[in-house]
Amino acid sequence: MRGAAILIVVGIALTSDIAWAQGAQDPTAQRRDCSAMERADGLECPDKASPTAAPVHQGASRGDNWIVSQTTSPVDYSPVATATTLSQDGAAMKLSIRCRKGRTEMVVAGLGISGHGGDYAISYRVNGGQQVQNAAARPPSGAGIAFGGDIIGLLQSLPDAGNLSVHLAPRTGTALDGTFSLGGWEAVRAKLTIACKWSDPIPKPNR
């Protein structure tokens, strides 16, 4: 009789140990137990701790003829924005607008474009209007030819419809032309104004 009682006690103890071990391996059970302790003792469960904030990265978005990419610098978390579009004549030329470290760049690149900014004369016209000469420069990074002068003023003045024609004349060789659609530019400009911290108000666009 006494031996049977001892076996029953041992069995109960073993069952309790197994149940405790399963509970330790079961996250749901742990959270349930922790919640009960939290209510009783005013403690905070480990899984409720605030997660570490991570830099926000926004993928590329498409607006009409433009592809806009916005992210943050992994070094100082400053905004980095890029807008690109291809020319309408077989995508032989690409126009890129990007801002980083407080600087806005406007660059044209493509097949046949090489050398430095000083090797080219660059001009543009909006919607077939008057041709405007612009200083050519070497982009801070990457290939292509960069626009010089007041880039922000130029970008803010572009209309939301029509096209932008760019003419590159090298010192030697054949001149290159690219025509870019301005459809959707207003939405792209709004994003860049915020990301690049352009000043307001926006000048009246060229027609």
N, C-alpha and C. Protein backbone atom coordinates (compact mmCIF):
# COMPACT_ATOMS: atom_id res chain seq x y z
N MET A 1 0.84 -1.20 0.00
CA MET A 1 0.00 0.00 0.00
C MET A 1 0.87 1.25 0.00
N ARG A 2 1.89 1.24 0.92
CA ARG A 2 2.79 2.38 0.98
C ARG A 2 3.58 2.49 -0.31
N GLY A 3 3.99 1.36 -0.89
CA GLY A 3 4.75 1.37 -2.16
C GLY A 3 3.93 1.95 -3.29
N ALA A 4 2.63 1.61 -3.33
CA ALA A 4 1.77 2.17 -4.39
C ALA A 4 1.64 3.67 -4.25
N ALA A 5 1.53 4.16 -3.02
CA ALA A 5 1.41 5.60 -2.80
C ALA A 5 2.67 6.33 -3.26
N ILE A 6 3.82 5.71 -2.98
CA ILE A 6 5.09 6.33 -3.40
C ILE A 6 5.15 6.43 -4.91
N LEU A 7 4.73 5.36 -5.62
CA LEU A 7 4.75 5.38 -7.08
C LEU A 7 3.83 6.47 -7.64
N ILE A 8 2.69 6.66 -7.01
CA ILE A 8 1.76 7.70 -7.47
C ILE A 8 2.38 9.08 -7.32
N VAL A 9 3.03 9.33 -6.16
CA VAL A 9 3.68 10.62 -5.92
C VAL A 9 4.78 10.87 -6.94
N VAL A 10 5.60 9.84 -7.20
CA VAL A 10 6.69 9.98 -8.17
C VAL A 10 6.13 10.27 -9.56
N GLY A 11 5.05 9.59 -9.92
CA GLY A 11 4.44 9.81 -11.23
C GLY A 11 3.93 11.22 -11.38
N ILE A 12 3.32 11.75 -10.34
CA ILE A 12 2.82 13.13 -10.40
C ILE A 12 3.97 14.12 -10.57
N ALA A 13 5.06 13.87 -9.85
CA ALA A 13 6.23 14.76 -9.93
C ALA A 13 6.82 14.75 -11.33
N LEU A 14 6.94 13.53 -11.92
CA LEU A 14 7.48 13.43 -13.27
C LEU A 14 6.59 14.13 -14.28
N THR A 15 5.29 13.96 -14.13
CA THR A 15 4.34 14.62 -15.04
C THR A 15 4.47 16.13 -14.95
N SER A 16 4.63 16.67 -13.74
CA SER A 16 4.78 18.11 -13.56
C SER A 16 6.06 18.61 -14.20
N ASP A 17 7.17 17.82 -14.05
CA ASP A 17 8.44 18.23 -14.65
C ASP A 17 8.35 18.27 -16.16
N ILE A 18 7.68 17.26 -16.75
CA ILE A 18 7.54 17.22 -18.21
C ILE A 18 6.72 18.39 -18.70
N ALA A 19 5.63 18.68 -18.00
CA ALA A 19 4.78 19.81 -18.39
C ALA A 19 5.53 21.12 -18.28
N TRP A 20 6.34 21.27 -17.25
CA TRP A 20 7.14 22.49 -17.10
C TRP A 20 8.15 22.63 -18.23
N ALA A 21 8.80 21.53 -18.60
CA ALA A 21 9.79 21.56 -19.68
C ALA A 21 9.14 21.92 -21.00
N GLN A 22 7.95 21.36 -21.28
CA GLN A 22 7.26 21.69 -22.51
C GLN A 22 6.87 23.16 -22.53
N GLY A 23 6.44 23.66 -21.39
CA GLY A 23 6.07 25.07 -21.30
C GLY A 23 7.25 25.98 -21.55
N ALA A 24 8.45 25.57 -21.10
CA ALA A 24 9.65 26.37 -21.30
C ALA A 24 10.02 26.45 -22.76
N GLN A 25 9.67 25.35 -23.55
CA GLN A 25 10.00 25.34 -24.95
C GLN A 25 8.90 25.95 -25.80
N ASP A 26 7.72 26.15 -25.22
CA ASP A 26 6.57 26.67 -25.97
C ASP A 26 6.48 28.18 -25.77
N PRO A 27 6.80 28.98 -26.82
CA PRO A 27 6.75 30.44 -26.67
C PRO A 27 5.38 30.95 -26.26
N THR A 28 4.32 30.26 -26.75
CA THR A 28 2.97 30.70 -26.39
C THR A 28 2.74 30.56 -24.90
N ALA A 29 3.19 29.42 -24.36
CA ALA A 29 3.03 29.21 -22.92
C ALA A 29 3.85 30.21 -22.13
N GLN A 30 5.06 30.50 -22.63
CA GLN A 30 5.91 31.47 -21.93
C GLN A 30 5.25 32.84 -21.90
N ARG A 31 4.68 33.25 -23.04
CA ARG A 31 4.02 34.56 -23.06
C ARG A 31 2.82 34.58 -22.13
N ARG A 32 2.09 33.43 -22.06
CA ARG A 32 0.92 33.36 -21.20
C ARG A 32 1.35 33.48 -19.74
N ASP A 33 2.43 32.75 -19.38
CA ASP A 33 2.92 32.82 -18.00
C ASP A 33 3.45 34.21 -17.69
N CYS A 34 4.17 34.80 -18.66
CA CYS A 34 4.74 36.12 -18.44
C CYS A 34 3.63 37.15 -18.25
N SER A 35 2.55 37.02 -19.03
CA SER A 35 1.44 37.96 -18.90
C SER A 35 0.82 37.87 -17.53
N ALA A 36 0.71 36.64 -17.01
CA ALA A 36 0.14 36.47 -15.67
C ALA A 36 1.04 37.12 -14.62
N MET A 37 2.38 36.92 -14.77
CA MET A 37 3.32 37.54 -13.83
C MET A 37 3.30 39.05 -13.98
N GLU A 38 3.14 39.52 -15.24
CA GLU A 38 3.12 40.96 -15.48
C GLU A 38 1.97 41.63 -14.74
N ARG A 39 0.82 40.99 -14.78
CA ARG A 39 -0.33 41.55 -14.09
C ARG A 39 -0.15 41.52 -12.59
N ALA A 40 0.54 40.47 -12.11
CA ALA A 40 0.70 40.31 -10.66
C ALA A 40 1.78 41.22 -10.09
N ASP A 41 2.90 41.34 -10.85
CA ASP A 41 4.06 42.04 -10.29
C ASP A 41 4.38 43.36 -10.99
N GLY A 42 3.63 43.72 -12.02
CA GLY A 42 3.91 44.98 -12.71
C GLY A 42 5.17 44.92 -13.54
N LEU A 43 5.57 43.72 -14.03
CA LEU A 43 6.77 43.57 -14.83
C LEU A 43 6.43 43.71 -16.31
N GLU A 44 7.46 43.84 -17.13
CA GLU A 44 7.26 43.94 -18.58
C GLU A 44 7.87 42.73 -19.25
N CYS A 45 7.12 42.07 -20.10
CA CYS A 45 7.61 40.88 -20.78
C CYS A 45 8.71 41.27 -21.77
N PRO A 46 9.73 40.39 -21.95
CA PRO A 46 10.84 40.71 -22.86
C PRO A 46 10.39 40.93 -24.28
N ASP A 47 9.36 40.15 -24.75
CA ASP A 47 8.95 40.27 -26.14
C ASP A 47 8.16 41.53 -26.41
N LYS A 48 7.88 42.33 -25.35
CA LYS A 48 7.16 43.58 -25.54
C LYS A 48 8.10 44.78 -25.57
N ALA A 49 9.40 44.52 -25.52
CA ALA A 49 10.35 45.63 -25.55
C ALA A 49 10.31 46.31 -26.91
N SER A 50 10.58 47.60 -26.94
CA SER A 50 10.51 48.36 -28.18
C SER A 50 11.61 47.92 -29.12
N PRO A 51 11.28 47.60 -30.39
CA PRO A 51 12.30 47.18 -31.34
C PRO A 51 13.19 48.35 -31.72
N THR A 52 14.42 48.02 -32.16
CA THR A 52 15.36 49.04 -32.58
C THR A 52 14.93 49.61 -33.91
N ALA A 53 14.86 50.92 -34.01
CA ALA A 53 14.42 51.57 -35.25
C ALA A 53 15.45 51.35 -36.33
N ALA A 54 14.99 51.03 -37.54
CA ALA A 54 15.87 50.80 -38.67
C ALA A 54 15.63 51.90 -39.71
N PRO A 55 16.66 52.22 -40.52
CA PRO A 55 16.48 53.23 -41.55
C PRO A 55 15.36 52.84 -42.50
N VAL A 56 14.58 53.82 -42.93
CA VAL A 56 13.47 53.56 -43.83
C VAL A 56 13.96 53.68 -45.27
N HIS A 57 13.67 52.65 -46.07
CA HIS A 57 14.05 52.66 -47.46
C HIS A 57 12.80 52.53 -48.30
N GLN A 58 12.62 53.43 -49.22
CA GLN A 58 11.48 53.37 -50.12
C GLN A 58 11.95 52.90 -51.47
N GLY A 59 11.24 51.92 -52.00
CA GLY A 59 11.60 51.40 -53.29
C GLY A 59 11.30 52.37 -54.41
N ALA A 60 11.69 51.97 -55.61
CA ALA A 60 11.46 52.82 -56.76
C ALA A 60 9.98 52.89 -57.09
N SER A 61 9.52 54.06 -57.47
CA SER A 61 8.14 54.26 -57.89
C SER A 61 8.13 54.84 -59.29
N ARG A 62 7.11 54.48 -60.05
CA ARG A 62 7.04 54.93 -61.44
C ARG A 62 5.94 55.97 -61.60
N GLY A 63 6.28 57.07 -62.25
CA GLY A 63 5.29 58.11 -62.53
C GLY A 63 5.39 58.51 -63.99
N ASP A 64 4.42 58.06 -64.80
CA ASP A 64 4.43 58.30 -66.24
C ASP A 64 5.76 57.82 -66.83
N ASN A 65 6.60 58.75 -67.28
CA ASN A 65 7.86 58.37 -67.92
C ASN A 65 9.04 58.36 -66.95
N TRP A 66 8.77 58.64 -65.69
CA TRP A 66 9.85 58.78 -64.70
C TRP A 66 9.87 57.61 -63.73
N ILE A 67 11.08 57.27 -63.29
CA ILE A 67 11.26 56.30 -62.21
C ILE A 67 11.95 57.04 -61.07
N VAL A 68 11.31 57.07 -59.93
CA VAL A 68 11.83 57.81 -58.77
C VAL A 68 12.23 56.84 -57.68
N SER A 69 13.43 57.00 -57.16
CA SER A 69 13.93 56.16 -56.08
C SER A 69 14.31 57.06 -54.91
N GLN A 70 13.79 56.73 -53.73
CA GLN A 70 14.09 57.50 -52.52
C GLN A 70 14.59 56.56 -51.43
N THR A 71 15.67 56.94 -50.78
CA THR A 71 16.22 56.15 -49.69
C THR A 71 16.94 57.11 -48.74
N THR A 72 17.67 56.55 -47.79
CA THR A 72 18.44 57.37 -46.86
C THR A 72 19.88 56.90 -46.83
N SER A 73 20.77 57.82 -46.59
CA SER A 73 22.18 57.48 -46.53
C SER A 73 22.45 56.61 -45.31
N PRO A 74 23.19 55.50 -45.46
CA PRO A 74 23.50 54.65 -44.31
C PRO A 74 24.50 55.30 -43.35
N VAL A 75 25.10 56.41 -43.77
CA VAL A 75 26.10 57.08 -42.94
C VAL A 75 25.46 58.11 -42.01
N ASP A 76 24.71 59.05 -42.60
CA ASP A 76 24.12 60.12 -41.79
C ASP A 76 22.60 60.19 -41.89
N TYR A 77 21.99 59.19 -42.56
CA TYR A 77 20.53 59.10 -42.69
C TYR A 77 19.93 60.30 -43.42
N SER A 78 20.74 61.01 -44.19
CA SER A 78 20.21 62.11 -44.99
C SER A 78 19.49 61.54 -46.21
N PRO A 79 18.48 62.24 -46.74
CA PRO A 79 17.72 61.71 -47.87
C PRO A 79 18.55 61.68 -49.16
N VAL A 80 18.33 60.64 -49.93
CA VAL A 80 18.95 60.50 -51.25
C VAL A 80 17.82 60.19 -52.23
N ALA A 81 17.67 61.01 -53.25
CA ALA A 81 16.58 60.83 -54.21
C ALA A 81 17.13 60.87 -55.62
N THR A 82 16.57 60.02 -56.49
CA THR A 82 16.99 59.96 -57.88
C THR A 82 15.76 59.81 -58.77
N ALA A 83 15.69 60.59 -59.82
CA ALA A 83 14.62 60.48 -60.82
C ALA A 83 15.27 60.30 -62.18
N THR A 84 14.84 59.29 -62.93
CA THR A 84 15.42 59.01 -64.23
C THR A 84 14.33 58.84 -65.28
N THR A 85 14.67 59.17 -66.51
CA THR A 85 13.78 58.97 -67.64
C THR A 85 14.63 58.76 -68.88
N LEU A 86 14.09 58.03 -69.85
CA LEU A 86 14.80 57.73 -71.08
C LEU A 86 14.28 58.61 -72.21
N SER A 87 15.16 58.87 -73.17
CA SER A 87 14.76 59.69 -74.31
C SER A 87 13.75 58.93 -75.16
N GLN A 88 12.96 59.67 -75.91
CA GLN A 88 11.89 59.08 -76.70
C GLN A 88 12.37 58.49 -78.01
N ASP A 89 13.62 58.75 -78.35
CA ASP A 89 14.15 58.27 -79.62
C ASP A 89 14.99 57.01 -79.42
N GLY A 90 14.35 55.93 -79.02
CA GLY A 90 15.04 54.66 -78.88
C GLY A 90 15.85 54.51 -77.62
N ALA A 91 15.60 55.33 -76.61
CA ALA A 91 16.29 55.24 -75.32
C ALA A 91 17.80 55.31 -75.48
N ALA A 92 18.27 56.15 -76.43
CA ALA A 92 19.70 56.29 -76.65
C ALA A 92 20.35 57.18 -75.60
N MET A 93 19.54 57.95 -74.89
CA MET A 93 20.07 58.88 -73.89
C MET A 93 19.20 58.80 -72.63
N LYS A 94 19.84 58.92 -71.49
CA LYS A 94 19.13 58.88 -70.20
C LYS A 94 19.36 60.18 -69.45
N LEU A 95 18.29 60.71 -68.88
CA LEU A 95 18.36 61.92 -68.06
C LEU A 95 18.16 61.53 -66.60
N SER A 96 19.10 61.91 -65.75
CA SER A 96 19.03 61.59 -64.32
C SER A 96 19.10 62.86 -63.50
N ILE A 97 18.22 62.94 -62.52
CA ILE A 97 18.22 64.04 -61.56
C ILE A 97 18.39 63.43 -60.19
N ARG A 98 19.39 63.80 -59.47
CA ARG A 98 19.62 63.21 -58.16
C ARG A 98 20.12 64.27 -57.18
N CYS A 99 19.78 64.04 -55.93
CA CYS A 99 20.26 64.95 -54.89
C CYS A 99 20.80 64.13 -53.73
N ARG A 100 21.88 64.57 -53.19
CA ARG A 100 22.51 63.96 -52.03
C ARG A 100 23.47 64.97 -51.42
N LYS A 101 23.58 64.90 -50.11
CA LYS A 101 24.46 65.82 -49.38
C LYS A 101 24.14 67.28 -49.70
N GLY A 102 22.86 67.58 -49.90
CA GLY A 102 22.44 68.94 -50.15
C GLY A 102 22.73 69.48 -51.53
N ARG A 103 23.14 68.60 -52.45
CA ARG A 103 23.48 69.04 -53.80
C ARG A 103 22.57 68.35 -54.81
N THR A 104 22.07 69.11 -55.79
CA THR A 104 21.21 68.58 -56.84
C THR A 104 21.98 68.53 -58.15
N GLU A 105 21.91 67.38 -58.83
CA GLU A 105 22.62 67.18 -60.09
C GLU A 105 21.63 66.82 -61.19
N MET A 106 21.93 67.25 -62.40
CA MET A 106 21.15 66.91 -63.59
C MET A 106 22.15 66.41 -64.64
N VAL A 107 22.04 65.13 -64.99
CA VAL A 107 23.06 64.48 -65.82
C VAL A 107 22.42 63.77 -67.00
N VAL A 108 23.03 63.88 -68.16
CA VAL A 108 22.62 63.10 -69.33
C VAL A 108 23.74 62.11 -69.63
N ALA A 109 23.36 60.89 -69.92
CA ALA A 109 24.33 59.84 -70.20
C ALA A 109 23.76 58.93 -71.29
N GLY A 110 24.65 58.15 -71.90
CA GLY A 110 24.21 57.23 -72.93
C GLY A 110 25.36 56.83 -73.83
N LEU A 111 25.04 56.02 -74.83
CA LEU A 111 26.05 55.57 -75.78
C LEU A 111 26.63 56.76 -76.54
N GLY A 112 27.93 56.77 -76.67
CA GLY A 112 28.59 57.85 -77.41
C GLY A 112 28.91 59.06 -76.58
N ILE A 113 28.48 59.08 -75.31
CA ILE A 113 28.78 60.21 -74.44
C ILE A 113 29.94 59.81 -73.53
N SER A 114 31.07 60.44 -73.73
CA SER A 114 32.25 60.13 -72.93
C SER A 114 33.09 61.39 -72.79
N GLY A 115 34.13 61.29 -71.99
CA GLY A 115 34.99 62.44 -71.79
C GLY A 115 34.53 63.29 -70.62
N HIS A 116 34.98 64.52 -70.60
CA HIS A 116 34.69 65.44 -69.51
C HIS A 116 33.69 66.51 -69.96
N GLY A 117 33.16 67.24 -68.97
CA GLY A 117 32.20 68.29 -69.29
C GLY A 117 32.78 69.34 -70.22
N GLY A 118 34.08 69.61 -70.08
CA GLY A 118 34.71 70.62 -70.93
C GLY A 118 34.81 70.20 -72.39
N ASP A 119 34.56 68.93 -72.68
CA ASP A 119 34.63 68.44 -74.05
C ASP A 119 33.34 68.66 -74.82
N TYR A 120 32.31 69.19 -74.14
CA TYR A 120 31.00 69.34 -74.77
C TYR A 120 30.46 70.75 -74.58
N ALA A 121 29.59 71.14 -75.51
CA ALA A 121 28.73 72.31 -75.35
C ALA A 121 27.32 71.75 -75.24
N ILE A 122 26.58 72.18 -74.23
CA ILE A 122 25.26 71.62 -73.99
C ILE A 122 24.20 72.73 -74.07
N SER A 123 23.08 72.39 -74.67
CA SER A 123 21.97 73.34 -74.76
C SER A 123 20.66 72.56 -74.67
N TYR A 124 19.59 73.27 -74.39
CA TYR A 124 18.29 72.62 -74.27
C TYR A 124 17.19 73.56 -74.72
N ARG A 125 16.04 73.00 -75.00
CA ARG A 125 14.85 73.79 -75.31
C ARG A 125 13.64 73.06 -74.76
N VAL A 126 12.65 73.83 -74.32
CA VAL A 126 11.43 73.29 -73.72
C VAL A 126 10.27 73.49 -74.69
N ASN A 127 9.63 72.38 -75.05
CA ASN A 127 8.47 72.42 -75.95
C ASN A 127 8.76 73.19 -77.24
N GLY A 128 9.93 72.95 -77.79
CA GLY A 128 10.28 73.57 -79.06
C GLY A 128 10.53 75.06 -78.99
N GLY A 129 10.72 75.59 -77.80
CA GLY A 129 10.95 77.02 -77.62
C GLY A 129 12.37 77.42 -77.96
N GLN A 130 12.77 78.55 -77.42
CA GLN A 130 14.09 79.08 -77.70
C GLN A 130 15.17 78.18 -77.11
N GLN A 131 16.24 78.00 -77.87
CA GLN A 131 17.35 77.18 -77.41
C GLN A 131 18.16 77.95 -76.36
N VAL A 132 18.47 77.28 -75.27
CA VAL A 132 19.19 77.90 -74.16
C VAL A 132 20.53 77.20 -73.98
N GLN A 133 21.61 77.97 -74.01
CA GLN A 133 22.94 77.42 -73.78
C GLN A 133 23.15 77.20 -72.29
N ASN A 134 23.84 76.11 -71.95
CA ASN A 134 24.09 75.80 -70.55
C ASN A 134 25.52 75.32 -70.40
N ALA A 135 26.12 75.65 -69.29
CA ALA A 135 27.48 75.20 -69.02
C ALA A 135 27.48 73.69 -68.78
N ALA A 136 28.43 73.00 -69.38
CA ALA A 136 28.56 71.56 -69.18
C ALA A 136 29.61 71.30 -68.11
N ALA A 137 29.39 70.29 -67.32
CA ALA A 137 30.31 69.97 -66.24
C ALA A 137 30.45 68.46 -66.10
N ARG A 138 31.44 68.06 -65.39
CA ARG A 138 31.65 66.64 -65.11
C ARG A 138 30.85 66.27 -63.86
N PRO A 139 30.05 65.22 -63.91
CA PRO A 139 29.27 64.84 -62.73
C PRO A 139 30.17 64.39 -61.59
N PRO A 140 29.79 64.64 -60.34
CA PRO A 140 30.60 64.22 -59.19
C PRO A 140 30.89 62.73 -59.17
N SER A 141 29.96 61.94 -59.70
CA SER A 141 30.16 60.49 -59.74
C SER A 141 29.42 59.92 -60.94
N GLY A 142 29.91 58.82 -61.46
CA GLY A 142 29.25 58.18 -62.58
C GLY A 142 29.62 58.80 -63.92
N ALA A 143 29.04 58.22 -64.98
CA ALA A 143 29.33 58.67 -66.33
C ALA A 143 28.32 59.72 -66.76
N GLY A 144 28.64 60.36 -67.89
CA GLY A 144 27.72 61.34 -68.46
C GLY A 144 28.23 62.76 -68.37
N ILE A 145 27.36 63.68 -68.79
CA ILE A 145 27.66 65.11 -68.76
C ILE A 145 26.62 65.79 -67.89
N ALA A 146 27.08 66.62 -66.96
CA ALA A 146 26.18 67.29 -66.02
C ALA A 146 25.88 68.71 -66.49
N PHE A 147 24.67 69.16 -66.19
CA PHE A 147 24.30 70.55 -66.42
C PHE A 147 24.96 71.41 -65.35
N GLY A 148 25.41 72.58 -65.73
CA GLY A 148 25.95 73.53 -64.77
C GLY A 148 24.94 74.63 -64.48
N GLY A 149 25.34 75.57 -63.65
CA GLY A 149 24.47 76.70 -63.36
C GLY A 149 23.40 76.40 -62.32
N ASP A 150 22.29 77.12 -62.42
CA ASP A 150 21.21 77.01 -61.45
C ASP A 150 20.31 75.83 -61.81
N ILE A 151 20.68 74.65 -61.36
CA ILE A 151 19.94 73.43 -61.70
C ILE A 151 18.56 73.44 -61.05
N ILE A 152 18.49 73.83 -59.80
CA ILE A 152 17.20 73.83 -59.10
C ILE A 152 16.23 74.78 -59.77
N GLY A 153 16.70 75.96 -60.15
CA GLY A 153 15.84 76.91 -60.84
C GLY A 153 15.33 76.35 -62.16
N LEU A 154 16.20 75.65 -62.89
CA LEU A 154 15.80 75.04 -64.16
C LEU A 154 14.74 73.97 -63.93
N LEU A 155 14.96 73.10 -62.97
CA LEU A 155 14.02 72.01 -62.71
C LEU A 155 12.68 72.52 -62.22
N GLN A 156 12.70 73.57 -61.42
CA GLN A 156 11.44 74.12 -60.91
C GLN A 156 10.64 74.83 -62.00
N SER A 157 11.32 75.24 -63.06
CA SER A 157 10.64 75.98 -64.13
C SER A 157 10.06 75.08 -65.21
N LEU A 158 10.39 73.79 -65.19
CA LEU A 158 9.91 72.89 -66.24
C LEU A 158 8.41 72.64 -66.10
N PRO A 159 7.68 72.61 -67.22
CA PRO A 159 6.24 72.35 -67.16
C PRO A 159 5.95 70.87 -66.94
N ASP A 160 4.69 70.55 -66.69
CA ASP A 160 4.29 69.17 -66.43
C ASP A 160 3.88 68.45 -67.71
N ALA A 161 3.96 69.10 -68.83
CA ALA A 161 3.58 68.48 -70.10
C ALA A 161 4.55 68.95 -71.18
N GLY A 162 4.60 68.20 -72.27
CA GLY A 162 5.49 68.55 -73.35
C GLY A 162 6.78 67.77 -73.29
N ASN A 163 7.87 68.40 -73.70
CA ASN A 163 9.13 67.68 -73.73
C ASN A 163 10.30 68.62 -73.52
N LEU A 164 11.41 68.01 -73.14
CA LEU A 164 12.68 68.71 -72.96
C LEU A 164 13.67 68.12 -73.96
N SER A 165 14.19 68.96 -74.83
CA SER A 165 15.16 68.52 -75.84
C SER A 165 16.55 68.95 -75.42
N VAL A 166 17.49 68.01 -75.43
CA VAL A 166 18.87 68.27 -75.01
C VAL A 166 19.79 68.04 -76.21
N HIS A 167 20.71 68.98 -76.42
CA HIS A 167 21.66 68.90 -77.54
C HIS A 167 23.07 68.93 -76.98
N LEU A 168 23.84 67.90 -77.29
CA LEU A 168 25.23 67.81 -76.87
C LEU A 168 26.12 67.93 -78.10
N ALA A 169 27.00 68.91 -78.11
CA ALA A 169 27.91 69.12 -79.24
C ALA A 169 29.34 68.93 -78.75
N PRO A 170 29.99 67.82 -79.10
CA PRO A 170 31.37 67.61 -78.67
C PRO A 170 32.34 68.46 -79.49
N ARG A 171 33.54 68.64 -78.99
CA ARG A 171 34.54 69.40 -79.72
C ARG A 171 34.88 68.71 -81.03
N THR A 172 34.92 67.40 -80.97
CA THR A 172 35.16 66.61 -82.18
C THR A 172 34.13 65.49 -82.23
N GLY A 173 33.64 65.20 -83.40
CA GLY A 173 32.68 64.12 -83.51
C GLY A 173 31.27 64.62 -83.80
N THR A 174 30.33 63.69 -83.74
CA THR A 174 28.94 63.98 -84.09
C THR A 174 28.15 64.45 -82.88
N ALA A 175 27.32 65.44 -83.10
CA ALA A 175 26.47 65.95 -82.02
C ALA A 175 25.41 64.91 -81.67
N LEU A 176 24.95 64.96 -80.42
CA LEU A 176 23.96 64.01 -79.92
C LEU A 176 22.73 64.77 -79.43
N ASP A 177 21.57 64.20 -79.72
CA ASP A 177 20.32 64.84 -79.31
C ASP A 177 19.44 63.83 -78.59
N GLY A 178 18.73 64.31 -77.59
CA GLY A 178 17.77 63.48 -76.86
C GLY A 178 16.55 64.30 -76.50
N THR A 179 15.37 63.70 -76.66
CA THR A 179 14.12 64.38 -76.32
C THR A 179 13.43 63.59 -75.23
N PHE A 180 13.12 64.25 -74.12
CA PHE A 180 12.54 63.59 -72.95
C PHE A 180 11.14 64.12 -72.68
N SER A 181 10.21 63.20 -72.46
CA SER A 181 8.84 63.60 -72.14
C SER A 181 8.78 64.16 -70.72
N LEU A 182 8.02 65.21 -70.55
CA LEU A 182 7.84 65.82 -69.23
C LEU A 182 6.53 65.40 -68.57
N GLY A 183 5.85 64.41 -69.14
CA GLY A 183 4.62 63.92 -68.54
C GLY A 183 4.86 63.37 -67.14
N GLY A 184 4.09 63.83 -66.18
CA GLY A 184 4.26 63.37 -64.80
C GLY A 184 5.32 64.12 -64.02
N TRP A 185 5.93 65.14 -64.64
CA TRP A 185 7.01 65.85 -63.96
C TRP A 185 6.55 66.57 -62.70
N GLU A 186 5.31 67.04 -62.68
CA GLU A 186 4.84 67.78 -61.50
C GLU A 186 4.89 66.91 -60.24
N ALA A 187 4.46 65.64 -60.35
CA ALA A 187 4.49 64.74 -59.20
C ALA A 187 5.93 64.42 -58.81
N VAL A 188 6.79 64.25 -59.81
CA VAL A 188 8.20 63.97 -59.53
C VAL A 188 8.85 65.16 -58.85
N ARG A 189 8.56 66.36 -59.34
CA ARG A 189 9.13 67.58 -58.75
C ARG A 189 8.69 67.75 -57.30
N ALA A 190 7.43 67.39 -57.00
CA ALA A 190 6.93 67.51 -55.63
C ALA A 190 7.73 66.60 -54.69
N LYS A 191 8.04 65.39 -55.15
CA LYS A 191 8.83 64.47 -54.33
C LYS A 191 10.25 64.99 -54.13
N LEU A 192 10.84 65.48 -55.21
CA LEU A 192 12.21 65.98 -55.11
C LEU A 192 12.29 67.24 -54.27
N THR A 193 11.27 68.08 -54.33
CA THR A 193 11.27 69.31 -53.53
C THR A 193 11.38 69.00 -52.05
N ILE A 194 10.68 67.94 -51.62
CA ILE A 194 10.73 67.54 -50.21
C ILE A 194 12.03 66.83 -49.88
N ALA A 195 12.38 65.83 -50.71
CA ALA A 195 13.58 65.03 -50.44
C ALA A 195 14.86 65.86 -50.53
N CYS A 196 14.90 66.78 -51.49
CA CYS A 196 16.10 67.57 -51.72
C CYS A 196 16.08 68.91 -50.97
N LYS A 197 14.93 69.20 -50.30
CA LYS A 197 14.79 70.43 -49.53
C LYS A 197 14.99 71.68 -50.38
N TRP A 198 14.32 71.67 -51.56
CA TRP A 198 14.34 72.86 -52.39
C TRP A 198 13.50 73.94 -51.75
N SER A 199 13.87 75.19 -51.99
CA SER A 199 13.12 76.30 -51.42
C SER A 199 11.86 76.54 -52.23
N ASP A 200 10.85 77.08 -51.59
CA ASP A 200 9.60 77.46 -52.23
C ASP A 200 9.52 78.99 -52.27
N PRO A 201 8.68 79.61 -53.04
CA PRO A 201 7.74 78.95 -53.95
C PRO A 201 8.40 78.52 -55.25
N ILE A 202 7.71 77.66 -56.00
CA ILE A 202 8.21 77.19 -57.28
C ILE A 202 7.93 78.26 -58.34
N PRO A 203 8.94 78.64 -59.12
CA PRO A 203 8.72 79.64 -60.16
C PRO A 203 7.70 79.15 -61.19
N LYS A 204 7.11 80.09 -61.91
CA LYS A 204 6.15 79.72 -62.95
C LYS A 204 6.85 78.91 -64.03
N PRO A 205 6.33 77.72 -64.36
CA PRO A 205 7.00 76.85 -65.34
C PRO A 205 7.07 77.49 -66.72
N ASN A 206 8.10 77.06 -67.47
CA ASN A 206 8.21 77.48 -68.87
C ASN A 206 7.11 76.82 -69.68
N ARG A 207 6.70 77.45 -70.71
CA ARG A 207 5.64 76.91 -71.57
C ARG A 207 6.18 76.69 -72.97
